[in-house]
């Protein structure tokens, strides 16, 4: 791609991001929209803290006369905070396709426009990343100031943390494109697939419990997902410790290596899968097909 072509793609992606923000944020006043963005992650954080507090037989929040959360809970809380990217970006791109086709009935126009479907989804993902970042920061701030979820900043390994975060965000975007391509082929079933993906990613990647608790065949699936390694890297390089059990046997270098390998594999799979689904959607006439659902 030439420099002029790259500039054109970035300009189109910026336009798509602006449109995405109008779609995401213009339906309510700023206060109501802020409540909408923050309510779900904060509620999830408080529910998670209450669950672990009940299991441990200790109060959920830190403070006078209460027991501080265990180190293992800190790791799972951090993973739960960063899982907002998977819920918002990965599933959100699929919902973008569903909404454009079923609700607004503009998918065929987006596909035929100079922006193009792939660039349009890339631009819309920027808004999803921004909303997910707000959710993640809000969850961590609530954990730090209200729940006693803290770590030693002096022990944070910044370089591997940044590398792991970039790889995790990239794998989220890649798999999001794959789901968006699949949504082009699916019609009403896209809702079930997207909701199922949200649940599966929450259970398979060690977000709130070790993957050792999964059945053995499912455990191997979890080890093949980049998000499992991303959350393990976050626990080690931010919170200062990994997950007890199976993942504890991997060194820091091995965690980063498997994260990189799985991210590259998902990137190749997503690129091939998205365009294969797109061609299939064109053959089936799904770009302008609605179900009045």
C-alpha atoms as a PDB file:
ATOM      1  CA  UNK A   1       0.000   0.000   0.000  1.00  0.00           C
ATOM      2  CA  UNK A   2       1.301   3.432  -0.925  1.00  0.00           C
ATOM      3  CA  UNK A   3       1.489   6.372   1.465  1.00  0.00           C
ATOM      4  CA  UNK A   4      -1.431   8.044  -0.270  1.00  0.00           C
ATOM      5  CA  UNK A   5      -3.465   4.876  -0.005  1.00  0.00           C
ATOM      6  CA  UNK A   6      -2.637   4.570   3.701  1.00  0.00           C
ATOM      7  CA  UNK A   7      -3.721   8.155   4.312  1.00  0.00           C
ATOM      8  CA  UNK A   8      -6.958   7.499   2.468  1.00  0.00           C
ATOM      9  CA  UNK A   9      -7.658   4.393   4.560  1.00  0.00           C
ATOM     10  CA  UNK A  10      -6.975   6.296   7.787  1.00  0.00           C
ATOM     11  CA  UNK A  11      -9.265   9.116   6.702  1.00  0.00           C
ATOM     12  CA  UNK A  12     -12.056   6.662   5.923  1.00  0.00           C
ATOM     13  CA  UNK A  13     -11.501   4.878   9.244  1.00  0.00           C
ATOM     14  CA  UNK A  14     -11.682   8.240  11.038  1.00  0.00           C
ATOM     15  CA  UNK A  15     -14.986   8.981   9.312  1.00  0.00           C
ATOM     16  CA  UNK A  16     -16.316   5.576  10.341  1.00  0.00           C
ATOM     17  CA  UNK A  17     -15.191   6.217  13.924  1.00  0.00           C
ATOM     18  CA  UNK A  18     -17.041   9.547  13.949  1.00  0.00           C
ATOM     19  CA  UNK A  19     -20.174   7.854  12.638  1.00  0.00           C
ATOM     20  CA  UNK A  20     -19.777   5.101  15.206  1.00  0.00           C
ATOM     21  CA  UNK A  21     -19.641   7.647  17.995  1.00  0.00           C
ATOM     22  CA  UNK A  22     -22.843   9.260  16.717  1.00  0.00           C
ATOM     23  CA  UNK A  23     -24.546   5.863  16.730  1.00  0.00           C
ATOM     24  CA  UNK A  24     -23.237   4.903  20.166  1.00  0.00           C
ATOM     25  CA  UNK A  25     -23.616   8.156  22.016  1.00  0.00           C
ATOM     26  CA  UNK A  26     -26.295  10.415  20.548  1.00  0.00           C
ATOM     27  CA  UNK A  27     -29.332   8.587  21.908  1.00  0.00           C
ATOM     28  CA  UNK A  28     -29.093  10.094  25.411  1.00  0.00           C
ATOM     29  CA  UNK A  29     -27.804  13.131  27.269  1.00  0.00           C
ATOM     30  CA  UNK A  30     -24.202  12.900  28.577  1.00  0.00           C
ATOM     31  CA  UNK A  31     -25.195  12.063  32.163  1.00  0.00           C
ATOM     32  CA  UNK A  32     -27.497   9.209  31.180  1.00  0.00           C
ATOM     33  CA  UNK A  33     -24.941   7.915  28.675  1.00  0.00           C
ATOM     34  CA  UNK A  34     -22.223   7.954  31.350  1.00  0.00           C
ATOM     35  CA  UNK A  35     -24.473   5.953  33.679  1.00  0.00           C
ATOM     36  CA  UNK A  36     -25.146   3.481  30.877  1.00  0.00           C
ATOM     37  CA  UNK A  37     -21.440   3.027  30.129  1.00  0.00           C
ATOM     38  CA  UNK A  38     -20.388   2.652  33.762  1.00  0.00           C
ATOM     39  CA  UNK A  39     -23.310   0.729  35.270  1.00  0.00           C
ATOM     40  CA  UNK A  40     -22.504  -2.703  33.838  1.00  0.00           C
ATOM     41  CA  UNK A  41     -18.768  -2.885  34.670  1.00  0.00           C
ATOM     42  CA  UNK A  42     -19.283  -1.456  38.147  1.00  0.00           C
ATOM     43  CA  UNK A  43     -22.136  -3.850  38.877  1.00  0.00           C
ATOM     44  CA  UNK A  44     -20.050  -6.771  37.623  1.00  0.00           C
ATOM     45  CA  UNK A  45     -17.121  -5.715  39.813  1.00  0.00           C
ATOM     46  CA  UNK A  46     -19.272  -5.478  42.924  1.00  0.00           C
ATOM     47  CA  UNK A  47     -20.969  -8.815  42.237  1.00  0.00           C
ATOM     48  CA  UNK A  48     -17.576 -10.464  41.704  1.00  0.00           C
ATOM     49  CA  UNK A  49     -16.249  -9.026  44.962  1.00  0.00           C
ATOM     50  CA  UNK A  50     -19.343 -10.184  46.845  1.00  0.00           C
ATOM     51  CA  UNK A  51     -19.040 -13.692  45.386  1.00  0.00           C
ATOM     52  CA  UNK A  52     -15.409 -14.055  46.415  1.00  0.00           C
ATOM     53  CA  UNK A  53     -16.127 -12.544  49.797  1.00  0.00           C
ATOM     54  CA  UNK A  54     -18.900 -15.075  50.377  1.00  0.00           C
ATOM     55  CA  UNK A  55     -16.724 -17.984  49.267  1.00  0.00           C
ATOM     56  CA  UNK A  56     -13.876 -16.891  51.529  1.00  0.00           C
ATOM     57  CA  UNK A  57     -16.190 -16.185  54.422  1.00  0.00           C
ATOM     58  CA  UNK A  58     -14.903 -12.608  54.555  1.00  0.00           C
ATOM     59  CA  UNK A  59     -16.427  -9.216  53.758  1.00  0.00           C
ATOM     60  CA  UNK A  60     -16.251  -8.249  50.116  1.00  0.00           C
ATOM     61  CA  UNK A  61     -14.734  -4.822  50.626  1.00  0.00           C
ATOM     62  CA  UNK A  62     -11.604  -3.822  52.423  1.00  0.00           C
ATOM     63  CA  UNK A  63     -11.673  -1.383  55.274  1.00  0.00           C
ATOM     64  CA  UNK A  64     -11.646  -1.169  59.002  1.00  0.00           C
ATOM     65  CA  UNK A  65     -12.224  -4.517  60.635  1.00  0.00           C
ATOM     66  CA  UNK A  66     -12.367  -6.430  57.366  1.00  0.00           C
ATOM     67  CA  UNK A  67     -10.010  -8.826  55.647  1.00  0.00           C
ATOM     68  CA  UNK A  68      -8.292  -7.526  52.500  1.00  0.00           C
ATOM     69  CA  UNK A  69      -8.961  -9.503  49.321  1.00  0.00           C
ATOM     70  CA  UNK A  70      -6.599 -12.416  48.736  1.00  0.00           C
ATOM     71  CA  UNK A  71      -3.833 -12.079  46.167  1.00  0.00           C
ATOM     72  CA  UNK A  72      -5.592 -14.551  43.907  1.00  0.00           C
ATOM     73  CA  UNK A  73      -8.712 -12.396  43.922  1.00  0.00           C
ATOM     74  CA  UNK A  74      -6.652  -9.380  42.850  1.00  0.00           C
ATOM     75  CA  UNK A  75      -5.512 -11.325  39.792  1.00  0.00           C
ATOM     76  CA  UNK A  76      -9.011 -12.394  38.845  1.00  0.00           C
ATOM     77  CA  UNK A  77     -10.355  -8.888  39.440  1.00  0.00           C
ATOM     78  CA  UNK A  78      -7.748  -7.416  37.087  1.00  0.00           C
ATOM     79  CA  UNK A  79      -8.617 -10.008  34.443  1.00  0.00           C
ATOM     80  CA  UNK A  80     -12.307  -9.225  34.842  1.00  0.00           C
ATOM     81  CA  UNK A  81     -11.587  -5.507  34.345  1.00  0.00           C
ATOM     82  CA  UNK A  82      -9.653  -6.069  31.102  1.00  0.00           C
ATOM     83  CA  UNK A  83     -12.282  -8.535  29.878  1.00  0.00           C
ATOM     84  CA  UNK A  84     -14.376  -5.446  29.086  1.00  0.00           C
ATOM     85  CA  UNK A  85     -12.399  -5.231  25.842  1.00  0.00           C
ATOM     86  CA  UNK A  86     -13.509  -8.713  24.812  1.00  0.00           C
ATOM     87  CA  UNK A  87     -17.157  -8.044  25.675  1.00  0.00           C
ATOM     88  CA  UNK A  88     -17.241  -4.630  24.015  1.00  0.00           C
ATOM     89  CA  UNK A  89     -14.954  -4.941  20.995  1.00  0.00           C
ATOM     90  CA  UNK A  90     -15.111  -8.601  20.034  1.00  0.00           C
ATOM     91  CA  UNK A  91     -18.865  -8.943  20.343  1.00  0.00           C
ATOM     92  CA  UNK A  92     -19.527  -5.298  19.443  1.00  0.00           C
ATOM     93  CA  UNK A  93     -18.215  -5.672  15.898  1.00  0.00           C
ATOM     94  CA  UNK A  94     -20.615  -8.522  15.285  1.00  0.00           C
ATOM     95  CA  UNK A  95     -23.460  -6.429  16.682  1.00  0.00           C
ATOM     96  CA  UNK A  96     -22.459  -3.625  14.312  1.00  0.00           C
ATOM     97  CA  UNK A  97     -23.153  -5.893  11.344  1.00  0.00           C
ATOM     98  CA  UNK A  98     -26.419  -7.078  12.876  1.00  0.00           C
ATOM     99  CA  UNK A  99     -27.625  -3.533  13.605  1.00  0.00           C
ATOM    100  CA  UNK A 100     -26.643  -2.122  10.223  1.00  0.00           C
ATOM    101  CA  UNK A 101     -28.529  -4.889   8.422  1.00  0.00           C
ATOM    102  CA  UNK A 102     -31.569  -5.483  10.649  1.00  0.00           C
ATOM    103  CA  UNK A 103     -32.213  -2.204  12.460  1.00  0.00           C
ATOM    104  CA  UNK A 104     -30.964   0.523  10.126  1.00  0.00           C
ATOM    105  CA  UNK A 105     -31.037  -1.497   6.867  1.00  0.00           C
ATOM    106  CA  UNK A 106     -27.920   0.303   5.637  1.00  0.00           C
ATOM    107  CA  UNK A 107     -25.437  -2.554   5.425  1.00  0.00           C
ATOM    108  CA  UNK A 108     -25.581  -2.789   1.632  1.00  0.00           C
ATOM    109  CA  UNK A 109     -24.916   0.933   1.329  1.00  0.00           C
ATOM    110  CA  UNK A 110     -21.918   0.726   3.661  1.00  0.00           C
ATOM    111  CA  UNK A 111     -20.589  -2.201   1.662  1.00  0.00           C
ATOM    112  CA  UNK A 112     -20.917  -0.318  -1.629  1.00  0.00           C
ATOM    113  CA  UNK A 113     -19.568   2.990  -0.302  1.00  0.00           C
ATOM    114  CA  UNK A 114     -15.958   4.195  -0.806  1.00  0.00           C
ATOM    115  CA  UNK A 115     -15.301   3.484   2.869  1.00  0.00           C
ATOM    116  CA  UNK A 116     -15.722  -0.262   2.398  1.00  0.00           C
ATOM    117  CA  UNK A 117     -16.928  -2.774   4.961  1.00  0.00           C
ATOM    118  CA  UNK A 118     -13.543  -3.736   6.390  1.00  0.00           C
ATOM    119  CA  UNK A 119     -12.423  -0.123   6.929  1.00  0.00           C
ATOM    120  CA  UNK A 120     -15.842   0.746   8.304  1.00  0.00           C
ATOM    121  CA  UNK A 121     -15.585  -1.995  10.921  1.00  0.00           C
ATOM    122  CA  UNK A 122     -12.043  -0.871  11.793  1.00  0.00           C
ATOM    123  CA  UNK A 123     -13.312   2.655  12.390  1.00  0.00           C
ATOM    124  CA  UNK A 124     -16.256   1.473  14.453  1.00  0.00           C
ATOM    125  CA  UNK A 125     -13.875  -0.604  16.559  1.00  0.00           C
ATOM    126  CA  UNK A 126     -12.115   2.584  17.711  1.00  0.00           C
ATOM    127  CA  UNK A 127     -15.265   3.700  19.494  1.00  0.00           C
ATOM    128  CA  UNK A 128     -15.661   0.240  21.013  1.00  0.00           C
ATOM    129  CA  UNK A 129     -12.071   0.391  22.291  1.00  0.00           C
ATOM    130  CA  UNK A 130     -12.726   3.809  23.828  1.00  0.00           C
ATOM    131  CA  UNK A 131     -15.865   2.615  25.635  1.00  0.00           C
ATOM    132  CA  UNK A 132     -14.073  -0.525  26.833  1.00  0.00           C
ATOM    133  CA  UNK A 133     -11.180   1.575  28.162  1.00  0.00           C
ATOM    134  CA  UNK A 134     -13.609   3.675  30.196  1.00  0.00           C
ATOM    135  CA  UNK A 135     -15.182   0.518  31.621  1.00  0.00           C
ATOM    136  CA  UNK A 136     -11.802  -1.018  32.435  1.00  0.00           C
ATOM    137  CA  UNK A 137     -10.492   2.104  34.190  1.00  0.00           C
ATOM    138  CA  UNK A 138     -13.736   2.521  36.155  1.00  0.00           C
ATOM    139  CA  UNK A 139     -13.580  -1.095  37.319  1.00  0.00           C
ATOM    140  CA  UNK A 140      -9.949  -0.784  38.434  1.00  0.00           C
ATOM    141  CA  UNK A 141     -10.628   2.507  40.235  1.00  0.00           C
ATOM    142  CA  UNK A 142     -13.578   1.013  42.113  1.00  0.00           C
ATOM    143  CA  UNK A 143     -11.440  -1.975  43.037  1.00  0.00           C
ATOM    144  CA  UNK A 144      -8.568   0.212  44.211  1.00  0.00           C
ATOM    145  CA  UNK A 145     -10.528   2.715  46.299  1.00  0.00           C
ATOM    146  CA  UNK A 146     -13.577   0.726  47.456  1.00  0.00           C
ATOM    147  CA  UNK A 147     -12.668  -2.968  47.432  1.00  0.00           C
ATOM    148  CA  UNK A 148      -9.009  -2.905  48.433  1.00  0.00           C
ATOM    149  CA  UNK A 149      -7.859  -4.501  45.182  1.00  0.00           C
ATOM    150  CA  UNK A 150      -4.297  -3.182  45.092  1.00  0.00           C
ATOM    151  CA  UNK A 151      -0.836  -4.120  43.898  1.00  0.00           C
ATOM    152  CA  UNK A 152       2.679  -2.831  44.433  1.00  0.00           C
ATOM    153  CA  UNK A 153       3.514  -0.357  41.660  1.00  0.00           C
ATOM    154  CA  UNK A 154       7.216  -0.880  42.317  1.00  0.00           C
ATOM    155  CA  UNK A 155       6.891  -4.515  41.199  1.00  0.00           C
ATOM    156  CA  UNK A 156       5.013  -3.775  37.965  1.00  0.00           C
ATOM    157  CA  UNK A 157       6.978  -5.031  34.934  1.00  0.00           C
ATOM    158  CA  UNK A 158       6.096  -2.299  32.480  1.00  0.00           C
ATOM    159  CA  UNK A 159       7.722  -3.535  29.271  1.00  0.00           C
ATOM    160  CA  UNK A 160       6.222  -7.051  29.235  1.00  0.00           C
ATOM    161  CA  UNK A 161       2.937  -5.573  30.508  1.00  0.00           C
ATOM    162  CA  UNK A 162       2.736  -3.200  27.541  1.00  0.00           C
ATOM    163  CA  UNK A 163       3.713  -5.949  25.102  1.00  0.00           C
ATOM    164  CA  UNK A 164       1.106  -8.325  26.528  1.00  0.00           C
ATOM    165  CA  UNK A 165      -1.589  -5.639  26.482  1.00  0.00           C
ATOM    166  CA  UNK A 166      -0.900  -4.751  22.847  1.00  0.00           C
ATOM    167  CA  UNK A 167      -1.021  -8.431  21.877  1.00  0.00           C
ATOM    168  CA  UNK A 168      -4.242  -8.946  23.837  1.00  0.00           C
ATOM    169  CA  UNK A 169      -5.946  -5.945  22.250  1.00  0.00           C
ATOM    170  CA  UNK A 170      -4.796  -7.057  18.805  1.00  0.00           C
ATOM    171  CA  UNK A 171      -6.191 -10.566  19.314  1.00  0.00           C
ATOM    172  CA  UNK A 172      -9.465  -9.026  20.475  1.00  0.00           C
ATOM    173  CA  UNK A 173      -9.689  -6.983  17.276  1.00  0.00           C
ATOM    174  CA  UNK A 174      -8.763  -9.938  15.061  1.00  0.00           C
ATOM    175  CA  UNK A 175     -11.361 -12.237  16.564  1.00  0.00           C
ATOM    176  CA  UNK A 176     -13.860  -9.363  16.388  1.00  0.00           C
ATOM    177  CA  UNK A 177     -13.370  -9.181  12.619  1.00  0.00           C
ATOM    178  CA  UNK A 178     -13.888 -12.943  12.403  1.00  0.00           C
ATOM    179  CA  UNK A 179     -17.171 -12.712  14.293  1.00  0.00           C
ATOM    180  CA  UNK A 180     -18.233  -9.758  12.158  1.00  0.00           C
ATOM    181  CA  UNK A 181     -17.581 -11.798   9.028  1.00  0.00           C
ATOM    182  CA  UNK A 182     -19.564 -14.695  10.447  1.00  0.00           C
ATOM    183  CA  UNK A 183     -22.399 -12.292  11.254  1.00  0.00           C
ATOM    184  CA  UNK A 184     -22.485 -11.290   7.584  1.00  0.00           C
ATOM    185  CA  UNK A 185     -23.454 -14.870   6.726  1.00  0.00           C
ATOM    186  CA  UNK A 186     -25.812 -15.416   9.644  1.00  0.00           C
ATOM    187  CA  UNK A 187     -29.155 -13.682   9.931  1.00  0.00           C
ATOM    188  CA  UNK A 188     -31.239 -13.881  13.082  1.00  0.00           C
ATOM    189  CA  UNK A 189     -28.911 -16.543  14.525  1.00  0.00           C
ATOM    190  CA  UNK A 190     -26.195 -13.899  14.844  1.00  0.00           C
ATOM    191  CA  UNK A 191     -27.739 -12.783  18.140  1.00  0.00           C
ATOM    192  CA  UNK A 192     -27.383 -16.257  19.643  1.00  0.00           C
ATOM    193  CA  UNK A 193     -23.827 -16.658  18.358  1.00  0.00           C
ATOM    194  CA  UNK A 194     -22.704 -13.303  19.743  1.00  0.00           C
ATOM    195  CA  UNK A 195     -24.272 -13.837  23.144  1.00  0.00           C
ATOM    196  CA  UNK A 196     -22.831 -17.356  23.256  1.00  0.00           C
ATOM    197  CA  UNK A 197     -19.385 -16.018  22.428  1.00  0.00           C
ATOM    198  CA  UNK A 198     -19.628 -13.576  25.329  1.00  0.00           C
ATOM    199  CA  UNK A 199     -20.472 -16.369  27.759  1.00  0.00           C
ATOM    200  CA  UNK A 200     -17.882 -18.781  26.353  1.00  0.00           C
ATOM    201  CA  UNK A 201     -15.065 -16.248  26.508  1.00  0.00           C
ATOM    202  CA  UNK A 202     -15.948 -15.490  30.127  1.00  0.00           C
ATOM    203  CA  UNK A 203     -15.827 -19.143  31.133  1.00  0.00           C
ATOM    204  CA  UNK A 204     -12.968 -20.466  29.007  1.00  0.00           C
ATOM    205  CA  UNK A 205     -10.235 -17.861  29.493  1.00  0.00           C
ATOM    206  CA  UNK A 206      -9.709 -17.981  33.237  1.00  0.00           C
ATOM    207  CA  UNK A 207     -11.369 -14.650  33.908  1.00  0.00           C
ATOM    208  CA  UNK A 208     -12.868 -15.459  37.305  1.00  0.00           C
ATOM    209  CA  UNK A 209     -11.592 -18.975  38.073  1.00  0.00           C
ATOM    210  CA  UNK A 210      -8.538 -21.084  37.123  1.00  0.00           C
ATOM    211  CA  UNK A 211      -8.802 -23.092  33.945  1.00  0.00           C
ATOM    212  CA  UNK A 212      -7.852 -26.154  36.022  1.00  0.00           C
ATOM    213  CA  UNK A 213     -11.537 -26.383  36.990  1.00  0.00           C
ATOM    214  CA  UNK A 214     -12.556 -26.971  33.365  1.00  0.00           C
ATOM    215  CA  UNK A 215     -12.911 -30.504  31.952  1.00  0.00           C
ATOM    216  CA  UNK A 216      -9.692 -31.723  30.344  1.00  0.00           C
ATOM    217  CA  UNK A 217     -10.776 -31.369  26.666  1.00  0.00           C
ATOM    218  CA  UNK A 218     -12.144 -27.885  27.325  1.00  0.00           C
ATOM    219  CA  UNK A 219      -8.938 -27.003  29.155  1.00  0.00           C
ATOM    220  CA  UNK A 220      -6.953 -27.609  25.962  1.00  0.00           C
ATOM    221  CA  UNK A 221      -9.303 -25.279  24.117  1.00  0.00           C
ATOM    222  CA  UNK A 222      -8.694 -22.628  26.773  1.00  0.00           C
ATOM    223  CA  UNK A 223      -4.935 -22.980  26.340  1.00  0.00           C
ATOM    224  CA  UNK A 224      -5.335 -22.283  22.624  1.00  0.00           C
ATOM    225  CA  UNK A 225      -7.047 -18.937  23.192  1.00  0.00           C
ATOM    226  CA  UNK A 226      -4.864 -15.809  23.340  1.00  0.00           C
ATOM    227  CA  UNK A 227      -7.082 -14.274  26.028  1.00  0.00           C
ATOM    228  CA  UNK A 228      -6.101 -16.997  28.508  1.00  0.00           C
ATOM    229  CA  UNK A 229      -2.439 -16.057  28.126  1.00  0.00           C
ATOM    230  CA  UNK A 230      -3.224 -12.341  28.101  1.00  0.00           C
ATOM    231  CA  UNK A 231      -4.997 -12.487  31.456  1.00  0.00           C
ATOM    232  CA  UNK A 232      -2.210 -14.613  32.910  1.00  0.00           C
ATOM    233  CA  UNK A 233       0.334 -12.027  31.707  1.00  0.00           C
ATOM    234  CA  UNK A 234      -1.698  -9.224  33.291  1.00  0.00           C
ATOM    235  CA  UNK A 235      -1.727 -11.030  36.616  1.00  0.00           C
ATOM    236  CA  UNK A 236       2.023 -11.606  36.550  1.00  0.00           C
ATOM    237  CA  UNK A 237       3.240  -8.279  35.209  1.00  0.00           C
ATOM    238  CA  UNK A 238       0.695  -5.993  36.902  1.00  0.00           C
ATOM    239  CA  UNK A 239      -0.511  -7.769  40.047  1.00  0.00           C
ATOM    240  CA  UNK A 240       2.849  -9.481  40.609  1.00  0.00           C
ATOM    241  CA  UNK A 241       1.769 -13.135  40.604  1.00  0.00           C
ATOM    242  CA  UNK A 242       0.206 -15.675  38.294  1.00  0.00           C
ATOM    243  CA  UNK A 243      -2.676 -18.089  38.633  1.00  0.00           C
ATOM    244  CA  UNK A 244      -2.146 -21.081  40.901  1.00  0.00           C
ATOM    245  CA  UNK A 245      -2.424 -24.414  39.158  1.00  0.00           C
ATOM    246  CA  UNK A 246      -1.689 -25.341  35.566  1.00  0.00           C
ATOM    247  CA  UNK A 247      -0.578 -21.908  34.339  1.00  0.00           C
ATOM    248  CA  UNK A 248       1.765 -21.517  37.293  1.00  0.00           C
ATOM    249  CA  UNK A 249       4.086 -24.042  35.652  1.00  0.00           C
ATOM    250  CA  UNK A 250       4.821 -21.705  32.730  1.00  0.00           C
ATOM    251  CA  UNK A 251       7.587 -19.135  32.962  1.00  0.00           C
ATOM    252  CA  UNK A 252       7.026 -15.475  32.123  1.00  0.00           C
ATOM    253  CA  UNK A 253       8.821 -15.898  28.808  1.00  0.00           C
ATOM    254  CA  UNK A 254       6.686 -18.908  27.920  1.00  0.00           C
ATOM    255  CA  UNK A 255       3.499 -16.981  28.731  1.00  0.00           C
ATOM    256  CA  UNK A 256       4.543 -14.169  26.397  1.00  0.00           C
ATOM    257  CA  UNK A 257       5.614 -16.667  23.743  1.00  0.00           C
ATOM    258  CA  UNK A 258       2.298 -18.516  23.773  1.00  0.00           C
ATOM    259  CA  UNK A 259       0.458 -15.201  23.779  1.00  0.00           C
ATOM    260  CA  UNK A 260       2.387 -14.094  20.692  1.00  0.00           C
ATOM    261  CA  UNK A 261       1.938 -17.412  18.878  1.00  0.00           C
ATOM    262  CA  UNK A 262      -1.801 -17.578  19.551  1.00  0.00           C
ATOM    263  CA  UNK A 263      -2.240 -13.921  18.549  1.00  0.00           C
ATOM    264  CA  UNK A 264      -0.489 -14.458  15.209  1.00  0.00           C
ATOM    265  CA  UNK A 265      -2.524 -17.620  14.619  1.00  0.00           C
ATOM    266  CA  UNK A 266      -5.763 -15.753  15.323  1.00  0.00           C
ATOM    267  CA  UNK A 267      -4.674 -12.898  13.058  1.00  0.00           C
ATOM    268  CA  UNK A 268      -4.150 -15.274  10.140  1.00  0.00           C
ATOM    269  CA  UNK A 269      -7.382 -17.120  10.884  1.00  0.00           C
ATOM    270  CA  UNK A 270      -9.342 -13.865  11.179  1.00  0.00           C
ATOM    271  CA  UNK A 271      -8.017 -12.438   7.919  1.00  0.00           C
ATOM    272  CA  UNK A 272      -8.802 -15.591   5.977  1.00  0.00           C
ATOM    273  CA  UNK A 273     -12.111 -16.180   7.748  1.00  0.00           C
ATOM    274  CA  UNK A 274     -13.482 -12.650   7.391  1.00  0.00           C
ATOM    275  CA  UNK A 275     -12.994 -12.437   3.633  1.00  0.00           C
ATOM    276  CA  UNK A 276     -14.223 -16.020   3.170  1.00  0.00           C
ATOM    277  CA  UNK A 277     -17.417 -15.173   5.087  1.00  0.00           C
ATOM    278  CA  UNK A 278     -17.771 -11.933   3.129  1.00  0.00           C
ATOM    279  CA  UNK A 279     -17.613 -13.775  -0.200  1.00  0.00           C
ATOM    280  CA  UNK A 280     -20.119 -16.305   1.092  1.00  0.00           C
ATOM    281  CA  UNK A 281     -22.464 -13.512   2.203  1.00  0.00           C
ATOM    282  CA  UNK A 282     -22.330 -11.985  -1.275  1.00  0.00           C
ATOM    283  CA  UNK A 283     -23.146 -15.316  -2.909  1.00  0.00           C
ATOM    284  CA  UNK A 284     -26.083 -15.891  -0.562  1.00  0.00           C
ATOM    285  CA  UNK A 285     -27.405 -12.351  -0.914  1.00  0.00           C
ATOM    286  CA  UNK A 286     -27.153 -11.704   2.830  1.00  0.00           C
ATOM    287  CA  UNK A 287     -25.873  -8.136   2.564  1.00  0.00           C
ATOM    288  CA  UNK A 288     -29.363  -6.741   1.964  1.00  0.00           C
ATOM    289  CA  UNK A 289     -31.404  -9.552   3.495  1.00  0.00           C
ATOM    290  CA  UNK A 290     -33.441  -8.663   6.579  1.00  0.00           C
ATOM    291  CA  UNK A 291     -35.651 -10.843   8.760  1.00  0.00           C
ATOM    292  CA  UNK A 292     -37.839  -8.033  10.183  1.00  0.00           C
ATOM    293  CA  UNK A 293     -36.627  -9.146  13.608  1.00  0.00           C
END
